[in-house]
């Protein structure tokens, strides 16, 4: 049956109205860019890396304007997302975070969590529980899976700081014994950190986790999770992610080399 023209126009208008309500006018994405090649900032302050590139790609294809928000530490990003001041973060999934965030079904990237230590103070560690006799360092808001988070809560042997430079600086000076950190990002960060030749990484993998698009439950963007998953699946089925990682590593190294050559 063919609808009268005025009814067809009315239904089309209602569909457009529903679509407009299914997303914020501008998607506010919060990033703490200290994890090269996943996320970092260049000399001009632009946020670069795999995560912001994937976010821009996904929301460009969804036709949604994007605003990148940079706050003082990662915990503030998570707090603002929980309270609805921003719409989106890229994060690991945890039970605590699932209380305030809706996670994509499709992951952006697989990551390994490793243990970094000072070679002058070797660690006797072959499993997570062995870290109980050492003092560690983490960034505010970091979570590396339920087992690790539970370990930290039980033993309380971790000092919390705001930046990787501060954290690894404490490890270099021997003020802490270990840092739990993503293997890939930690090794790249250390390539250009003064004194980092003292730092090594254990072969032990504390956890294998994945980065997801995580949307605030207070954001209308939750209605677009199926669309976000569709775009993430498209990225996963292509070679975009690995290519963007390589390009980000190259750009980060070039920037650091240029900084080293400046008088």
Protein backbone atom coordinates (compact mmCIF):
# COMPACT_ATOMS: atom_id res chain seq x y z
CA UNK A 1 0.00 0.00 0.00
CA UNK A 2 1.34 3.44 -0.91
CA UNK A 3 1.15 6.07 1.82
CA UNK A 4 -0.26 9.51 1.02
CA UNK A 5 2.47 12.06 0.44
CA UNK A 6 1.75 14.00 3.64
CA UNK A 7 2.02 10.82 5.76
CA UNK A 8 5.24 9.78 4.05
CA UNK A 9 6.74 13.20 4.76
CA UNK A 10 5.58 13.04 8.37
CA UNK A 11 7.18 9.61 8.89
CA UNK A 12 10.40 10.77 7.26
CA UNK A 13 10.45 13.76 9.59
CA UNK A 14 9.91 11.55 12.61
CA UNK A 15 12.75 9.25 11.55
CA UNK A 16 15.08 12.22 11.13
CA UNK A 17 14.06 13.55 14.53
CA UNK A 18 14.72 10.16 16.16
CA UNK A 19 18.13 9.96 14.48
CA UNK A 20 19.03 13.44 15.68
CA UNK A 21 18.13 12.48 19.23
CA UNK A 22 20.28 9.35 19.05
CA UNK A 23 23.55 11.25 19.33
CA UNK A 24 24.89 14.45 20.89
CA UNK A 25 25.22 17.52 18.67
CA UNK A 26 29.00 17.14 19.09
CA UNK A 27 30.70 14.01 20.41
CA UNK A 28 33.10 14.96 23.22
CA UNK A 29 36.00 12.49 23.28
CA UNK A 30 38.33 12.64 26.30
CA UNK A 31 41.97 11.65 25.88
CA UNK A 32 45.02 11.70 28.13
CA UNK A 33 47.75 11.60 25.45
CA UNK A 34 50.72 10.00 27.24
CA UNK A 35 50.63 6.52 25.68
CA UNK A 36 52.55 6.56 22.38
CA UNK A 37 51.80 5.18 19.82
CA UNK A 38 48.19 4.79 21.08
CA UNK A 39 47.79 8.42 22.09
CA UNK A 40 50.26 11.30 22.40
CA UNK A 41 50.51 15.02 21.68
CA UNK A 42 52.90 16.83 19.35
CA UNK A 43 54.70 20.15 19.84
CA UNK A 44 51.58 22.11 18.88
CA UNK A 45 49.45 20.22 21.41
CA UNK A 46 47.52 18.24 18.79
CA UNK A 47 46.45 14.81 20.05
CA UNK A 48 47.83 12.11 17.77
CA UNK A 49 48.10 8.32 17.66
CA UNK A 50 45.97 5.30 16.92
CA UNK A 51 43.15 6.08 19.37
CA UNK A 52 42.28 9.62 18.26
CA UNK A 53 42.71 8.62 14.61
CA UNK A 54 40.26 5.73 15.00
CA UNK A 55 37.80 7.98 16.85
CA UNK A 56 37.96 10.60 14.09
CA UNK A 57 37.49 7.92 11.44
CA UNK A 58 34.48 6.31 13.12
CA UNK A 59 32.59 9.52 13.81
CA UNK A 60 33.43 11.02 10.45
CA UNK A 61 31.77 8.01 8.83
CA UNK A 62 28.80 8.39 11.19
CA UNK A 63 28.52 12.07 10.26
CA UNK A 64 28.94 13.27 13.86
CA UNK A 65 31.09 16.31 14.75
CA UNK A 66 33.89 15.59 17.21
CA UNK A 67 35.56 17.59 19.98
CA UNK A 68 38.76 16.25 21.57
CA UNK A 69 39.00 17.06 25.29
CA UNK A 70 42.35 16.78 27.11
CA UNK A 71 42.35 16.76 30.92
CA UNK A 72 45.09 16.68 33.54
CA UNK A 73 45.12 12.93 34.13
CA UNK A 74 43.42 9.73 33.02
CA UNK A 75 41.25 9.47 36.14
CA UNK A 76 39.65 12.83 35.30
CA UNK A 77 38.72 11.52 31.85
CA UNK A 78 37.02 8.52 33.44
CA UNK A 79 35.26 10.68 36.03
CA UNK A 80 33.98 13.12 33.41
CA UNK A 81 32.72 10.22 31.30
CA UNK A 82 30.97 8.65 34.30
CA UNK A 83 29.25 11.95 35.06
CA UNK A 84 28.32 12.67 31.45
CA UNK A 85 30.56 15.71 30.87
CA UNK A 86 32.20 13.84 28.00
CA UNK A 87 30.66 11.19 25.77
CA UNK A 88 33.53 8.85 25.00
CA UNK A 89 36.86 7.44 26.16
CA UNK A 90 39.03 4.60 24.80
CA UNK A 91 39.59 2.21 27.70
CA UNK A 92 39.99 -1.28 29.04
CA UNK A 93 36.83 -2.96 30.25
CA UNK A 94 36.40 -3.56 33.99
CA UNK A 95 33.46 -4.29 36.29
CA UNK A 96 33.82 -0.90 37.97
CA UNK A 97 33.87 0.98 34.67
CA UNK A 98 30.87 -0.94 33.35
CA UNK A 99 28.76 0.70 36.05
CA UNK A 100 29.03 4.04 34.24
CA UNK A 101 30.19 3.19 30.71
CA UNK A 102 28.81 1.15 27.82
CA UNK A 103 31.62 -0.69 26.00
CA UNK A 104 31.71 -1.56 22.33
CA UNK A 105 31.46 -5.24 21.48
CA UNK A 106 34.31 -4.94 18.99
CA UNK A 107 37.76 -4.13 20.38
CA UNK A 108 40.04 -1.54 18.83
CA UNK A 109 43.33 -3.15 19.89
CA UNK A 110 44.83 -6.03 21.88
CA UNK A 111 47.42 -5.04 24.49
CA UNK A 112 49.85 -6.85 26.80
CA UNK A 113 50.54 -5.55 30.30
CA UNK A 114 54.18 -6.01 31.32
CA UNK A 115 56.40 -5.30 34.34
CA UNK A 116 59.15 -2.68 33.99
CA UNK A 117 61.98 -2.60 36.55
CA UNK A 118 65.39 -1.07 37.28
CA UNK A 119 68.23 -3.41 36.34
CA UNK A 120 70.14 -2.28 39.46
CA UNK A 121 67.31 -3.79 41.53
CA UNK A 122 66.35 -7.08 39.82
CA UNK A 123 62.97 -8.64 40.57
CA UNK A 124 62.34 -12.28 41.44
CA UNK A 125 58.94 -12.44 39.76
CA UNK A 126 57.34 -15.23 37.76
CA UNK A 127 53.68 -14.55 38.60
CA UNK A 128 51.49 -11.67 39.73
CA UNK A 129 51.55 -12.64 43.42
CA UNK A 130 55.35 -12.28 43.50
CA UNK A 131 54.96 -8.51 43.13
CA UNK A 132 53.47 -8.33 46.65
CA UNK A 133 56.94 -7.87 48.17
CA UNK A 134 57.81 -4.94 45.92
CA UNK A 135 56.67 -1.31 45.63
CA UNK A 136 55.02 -0.36 42.33
CA UNK A 137 53.80 2.69 40.47
CA UNK A 138 50.63 3.37 38.46
CA UNK A 139 48.92 6.35 36.85
CA UNK A 140 45.72 7.63 38.42
CA UNK A 141 42.76 5.74 37.00
CA UNK A 142 44.70 2.86 35.45
CA UNK A 143 43.12 -0.61 35.49
CA UNK A 144 44.71 -3.79 34.18
CA UNK A 145 42.02 -6.42 34.64
CA UNK A 146 40.14 -7.80 37.61
CA UNK A 147 42.99 -9.98 38.92
CA UNK A 148 45.52 -7.14 38.91
CA UNK A 149 43.08 -4.58 40.30
CA UNK A 150 42.15 -6.98 43.10
CA UNK A 151 45.85 -7.59 43.82
CA UNK A 152 46.49 -3.84 44.14
CA UNK A 153 43.46 -3.36 46.40
CA UNK A 154 44.53 -6.22 48.70
CA UNK A 155 48.24 -5.38 49.01
CA UNK A 156 48.18 -1.58 48.69
CA UNK A 157 51.78 -1.60 47.45
CA UNK A 158 51.31 0.91 44.63
CA UNK A 159 52.02 4.66 44.49
CA UNK A 160 49.71 6.66 42.22
CA UNK A 161 51.01 9.51 40.04
CA UNK A 162 49.72 11.69 37.20
CA UNK A 163 52.28 11.13 34.42
CA UNK A 164 54.49 8.49 32.85
CA UNK A 165 57.51 10.79 33.12
CA UNK A 166 56.98 11.06 36.86
CA UNK A 167 56.35 7.33 37.23
CA UNK A 168 59.35 6.13 35.23
CA UNK A 169 61.47 8.85 36.83
CA UNK A 170 60.77 7.31 40.23
CA UNK A 171 61.75 3.90 38.86
CA UNK A 172 65.01 5.26 37.44
CA UNK A 173 65.86 6.85 40.80
CA UNK A 174 65.01 3.64 42.68
CA UNK A 175 62.08 5.12 44.61
CA UNK A 176 59.81 2.29 43.41
CA UNK A 177 60.61 -1.25 42.29
CA UNK A 178 58.31 -1.82 39.33
CA UNK A 179 55.76 -0.30 36.97
CA UNK A 180 52.88 -2.20 35.42
CA UNK A 181 52.37 -0.76 31.96
CA UNK A 182 51.41 -1.70 28.40
CA UNK A 183 54.47 -3.34 26.91
CA UNK A 184 54.30 -1.57 23.53
CA UNK A 185 53.66 1.93 24.82
CA UNK A 186 56.11 1.63 27.71
CA UNK A 187 59.00 0.53 25.50
CA UNK A 188 58.37 3.31 22.99
CA UNK A 189 58.11 5.95 25.72
CA UNK A 190 61.43 4.82 27.22
CA UNK A 191 63.32 5.20 23.95
CA UNK A 192 63.56 8.95 24.54
CA UNK A 193 63.48 9.25 28.33
CA UNK A 194 66.80 10.33 29.92
CA UNK A 195 68.15 7.60 32.20
CA UNK A 196 65.89 4.95 30.70
CA UNK A 197 68.85 2.73 29.83
CA UNK A 198 68.54 1.55 33.45
CA UNK A 199 65.04 0.18 32.78
CA UNK A 200 64.24 -3.30 31.54
CA UNK A 201 61.03 -5.27 31.07
CA UNK A 202 60.26 -8.77 32.33
CA UNK A 203 59.12 -11.42 29.81
CA UNK A 204 56.14 -12.01 32.13
CA UNK A 205 52.77 -10.84 30.79
CA UNK A 206 50.61 -9.71 33.70
CA UNK A 207 47.46 -9.49 31.62
CA UNK A 208 46.19 -9.46 28.06
CA UNK A 209 43.52 -6.86 27.59
CA UNK A 210 41.76 -4.93 24.84
CA UNK A 211 40.99 -1.28 24.24
CA UNK A 212 37.34 -0.49 23.52
CA UNK A 213 35.21 2.52 22.68
CA UNK A 214 33.53 3.30 26.01
CA UNK A 215 30.50 5.60 26.00
CA UNK A 216 29.05 7.37 29.03
CA UNK A 217 25.72 5.90 30.11
CA UNK A 218 24.56 9.50 30.47
CA UNK A 219 25.26 10.27 26.80
CA UNK A 220 22.72 9.93 23.98
CA UNK A 221 25.57 8.34 22.04
CA UNK A 222 24.68 5.03 23.73
CA UNK A 223 21.89 4.71 21.16
CA UNK A 224 24.54 4.49 18.44
CA UNK A 225 26.56 1.58 19.84
CA UNK A 226 25.51 -0.73 16.99
CA UNK A 227 26.75 1.85 14.48
CA UNK A 228 30.02 2.24 16.38
CA UNK A 229 30.51 -1.54 16.44
CA UNK A 230 29.84 -1.72 12.71
CA UNK A 231 32.57 0.83 12.02
CA UNK A 232 34.99 -0.85 14.44
CA UNK A 233 34.38 -4.17 12.71
CA UNK A 234 35.18 -2.52 9.40
CA UNK A 235 38.48 -1.30 10.85
CA UNK A 236 39.21 -4.72 12.35
CA UNK A 237 38.59 -6.40 8.98
CA UNK A 238 41.05 -4.10 7.23
CA UNK A 239 44.70 -3.32 7.91
CA UNK A 240 43.99 0.22 9.09
CA UNK A 241 44.80 -0.35 12.77
CA UNK A 242 48.23 -1.90 12.25
CA UNK A 243 49.10 0.68 9.59
CA UNK A 244 48.04 3.53 11.86
CA UNK A 245 50.14 2.06 14.68
CA UNK A 246 53.23 1.96 12.45
CA UNK A 247 52.63 5.49 11.22
CA UNK A 248 52.14 6.74 14.77
CA UNK A 249 55.38 5.13 15.97
CA UNK A 250 57.27 6.68 13.06
CA UNK A 251 55.79 10.14 13.66
CA UNK A 252 56.52 9.95 17.40
CA UNK A 253 60.15 8.94 16.80
CA UNK A 254 60.62 11.70 14.25
CA UNK A 255 59.23 14.30 16.66
CA UNK A 256 61.45 13.10 19.51
CA UNK A 257 64.53 13.05 17.25
CA UNK A 258 63.82 16.62 16.16
CA UNK A 259 63.49 17.70 19.78
CA UNK A 260 66.82 16.04 20.62
CA UNK A 261 68.57 17.97 17.82
CA UNK A 262 67.28 21.37 18.94
CA UNK A 263 69.85 23.48 20.85
